[in-house]
């Protein structure tokens, strides 16, 4: 369905405005759909992102500021997300031996197991949701990378 139909909009004034609105609408659409995968596991998309970042660093610890730099949504509060994941037993926090002002964060076995459980479901969701063939996906990725310049 075209973006104009989705948001009940008259034709856009120009293609750039349409593209911008289309990107924002599509991002919201994807996050809303993706949230349904995580909800049964009491996980938000942002918490999932933190767990993936920590898995990428595992077994090495990382800091909240390092997590914040790597997050997809830079407006997320990484400290709050880490604390929620700690309460769920998915991450551990400990004092950094080299710098007492920093806190080391590492994913736990429980966090790794949840990600492993979600891996196939997320991959299937991505393929099912993005109605493009591999060549089109490569082209889309190239264009999105170019857009961010």
Protein backbone atom coordinates (compact mmCIF):
# COMPACT_ATOMS: atom_id res chain seq x y z
CA UNK A 1 0.00 0.00 0.00
CA UNK A 2 1.33 3.46 -0.86
CA UNK A 3 2.24 5.84 1.95
CA UNK A 4 -0.45 8.31 0.84
CA UNK A 5 -3.10 5.63 1.37
CA UNK A 6 -1.60 4.47 4.68
CA UNK A 7 -1.74 7.93 6.25
CA UNK A 8 -4.68 9.23 4.21
CA UNK A 9 -2.57 11.99 2.69
CA UNK A 10 -3.09 13.97 -0.49
CA UNK A 11 -0.16 13.75 -2.92
CA UNK A 12 3.05 15.08 -1.37
CA UNK A 13 4.50 18.41 -2.50
CA UNK A 14 7.74 16.71 -3.52
CA UNK A 15 9.50 13.37 -3.51
CA UNK A 16 11.91 14.32 -0.71
CA UNK A 17 9.07 15.05 1.71
CA UNK A 18 7.37 11.82 0.68
CA UNK A 19 10.59 9.84 1.20
CA UNK A 20 11.16 11.37 4.64
CA UNK A 21 7.60 10.67 5.82
CA UNK A 22 7.78 7.20 4.27
CA UNK A 23 10.98 6.40 6.19
CA UNK A 24 9.54 7.61 9.51
CA UNK A 25 6.28 5.70 8.97
CA UNK A 26 8.14 2.54 7.94
CA UNK A 27 10.42 2.71 10.98
CA UNK A 28 7.41 2.93 13.28
CA UNK A 29 5.68 0.09 11.41
CA UNK A 30 8.73 -2.18 11.75
CA UNK A 31 9.30 -1.45 15.44
CA UNK A 32 5.62 -2.04 16.24
CA UNK A 33 5.63 -5.38 14.44
CA UNK A 34 8.99 -6.40 15.91
CA UNK A 35 7.80 -5.61 19.43
CA UNK A 36 5.31 -8.47 19.13
CA UNK A 37 8.21 -10.95 18.95
CA UNK A 38 9.79 -9.62 22.14
CA UNK A 39 6.65 -9.04 24.23
CA UNK A 40 6.18 -12.71 25.26
CA UNK A 41 9.74 -12.60 26.62
CA UNK A 42 9.11 -9.36 28.56
CA UNK A 43 11.64 -7.60 26.36
CA UNK A 44 11.52 -4.28 24.49
CA UNK A 45 13.24 -3.69 21.14
CA UNK A 46 15.71 -1.41 22.94
CA UNK A 47 16.52 -4.09 25.54
CA UNK A 48 17.00 -6.58 22.71
CA UNK A 49 19.42 -4.14 21.07
CA UNK A 50 21.43 -3.87 24.32
CA UNK A 51 21.59 -7.66 24.63
CA UNK A 52 22.82 -7.97 21.03
CA UNK A 53 25.51 -5.35 21.67
CA UNK A 54 26.64 -7.22 24.79
CA UNK A 55 26.66 -10.55 22.96
CA UNK A 56 28.91 -8.97 20.35
CA UNK A 57 31.36 -7.98 23.09
CA UNK A 58 31.13 -11.27 25.01
CA UNK A 59 33.06 -12.48 26.94
CA UNK A 60 34.61 -9.03 27.36
CA UNK A 61 32.74 -6.51 29.50
CA UNK A 62 31.71 -3.12 28.15
CA UNK A 63 30.52 0.18 29.62
CA UNK A 64 27.19 2.00 29.48
CA UNK A 65 28.75 4.73 27.34
CA UNK A 66 30.02 2.15 24.86
CA UNK A 67 26.54 0.59 24.69
CA UNK A 68 24.99 4.04 24.17
CA UNK A 69 27.33 4.74 21.24
CA UNK A 70 26.29 1.52 19.51
CA UNK A 71 22.55 1.68 20.10
CA UNK A 72 20.19 1.95 17.15
CA UNK A 73 18.05 4.50 18.98
CA UNK A 74 20.47 7.09 20.37
CA UNK A 75 17.66 8.63 22.42
CA UNK A 76 17.32 5.48 24.55
CA UNK A 77 18.52 5.62 28.12
CA UNK A 78 21.18 2.89 28.17
CA UNK A 79 21.63 3.06 31.97
CA UNK A 80 17.93 2.43 32.56
CA UNK A 81 17.86 -0.39 29.99
CA UNK A 82 20.89 -2.08 31.60
CA UNK A 83 19.27 -1.80 35.04
CA UNK A 84 16.06 -3.45 33.78
CA UNK A 85 18.06 -6.23 32.15
CA UNK A 86 20.03 -6.68 35.41
CA UNK A 87 16.78 -7.06 37.34
CA UNK A 88 15.78 -9.80 34.87
CA UNK A 89 19.11 -11.58 35.39
CA UNK A 90 20.25 -11.04 31.80
CA UNK A 91 23.26 -8.82 32.52
CA UNK A 92 25.78 -8.39 35.33
CA UNK A 93 27.28 -5.10 36.47
CA UNK A 94 30.56 -4.85 38.33
CA UNK A 95 33.10 -2.17 39.21
CA UNK A 96 35.73 -1.70 36.52
CA UNK A 97 39.10 -2.73 38.02
CA UNK A 98 41.00 -0.14 35.90
CA UNK A 99 38.67 2.81 36.55
CA UNK A 100 36.44 2.85 39.64
CA UNK A 101 34.21 5.51 38.04
CA UNK A 102 33.16 3.06 35.33
CA UNK A 103 30.92 0.04 35.58
CA UNK A 104 31.60 -3.08 33.53
CA UNK A 105 28.58 -4.79 32.02
CA UNK A 106 28.51 -8.32 30.64
CA UNK A 107 25.68 -10.47 29.32
CA UNK A 108 24.77 -13.49 31.45
CA UNK A 109 24.07 -17.07 30.39
CA UNK A 110 20.35 -16.31 30.71
CA UNK A 111 20.71 -13.34 28.32
CA UNK A 112 22.69 -15.41 25.82
CA UNK A 113 20.11 -18.21 25.96
CA UNK A 114 17.27 -15.77 25.29
CA UNK A 115 19.08 -14.33 22.27
CA UNK A 116 19.76 -17.82 20.96
CA UNK A 117 16.06 -18.63 21.35
CA UNK A 118 15.10 -15.44 19.48
CA UNK A 119 17.69 -15.67 16.67
CA UNK A 120 15.67 -17.86 14.29
CA UNK A 121 12.40 -16.06 15.04
CA UNK A 122 13.96 -12.65 14.37
CA UNK A 123 15.57 -13.87 11.15
CA UNK A 124 12.27 -15.32 9.92
CA UNK A 125 10.47 -12.12 10.90
CA UNK A 126 12.99 -10.02 8.96
CA UNK A 127 12.64 -12.14 5.81
CA UNK A 128 8.84 -12.26 6.07
CA UNK A 129 8.47 -8.55 6.80
CA UNK A 130 10.81 -7.19 4.14
CA UNK A 131 9.00 -8.08 0.95
CA UNK A 132 12.09 -7.81 -1.24
CA UNK A 133 14.35 -10.33 -2.94
CA UNK A 134 18.07 -10.46 -2.09
CA UNK A 135 19.07 -8.14 -4.94
CA UNK A 136 16.47 -5.57 -3.85
CA UNK A 137 17.59 -5.87 -0.21
CA UNK A 138 21.19 -5.19 -1.27
CA UNK A 139 20.00 -2.17 -3.26
CA UNK A 140 17.92 -0.91 -0.32
CA UNK A 141 20.91 -1.26 2.04
CA UNK A 142 23.13 0.62 -0.41
CA UNK A 143 20.58 3.43 -0.72
CA UNK A 144 20.06 3.69 3.05
CA UNK A 145 23.82 3.82 3.63
CA UNK A 146 24.06 6.53 0.95
CA UNK A 147 21.16 8.46 2.54
CA UNK A 148 23.05 8.66 5.86
CA UNK A 149 26.05 9.80 3.78
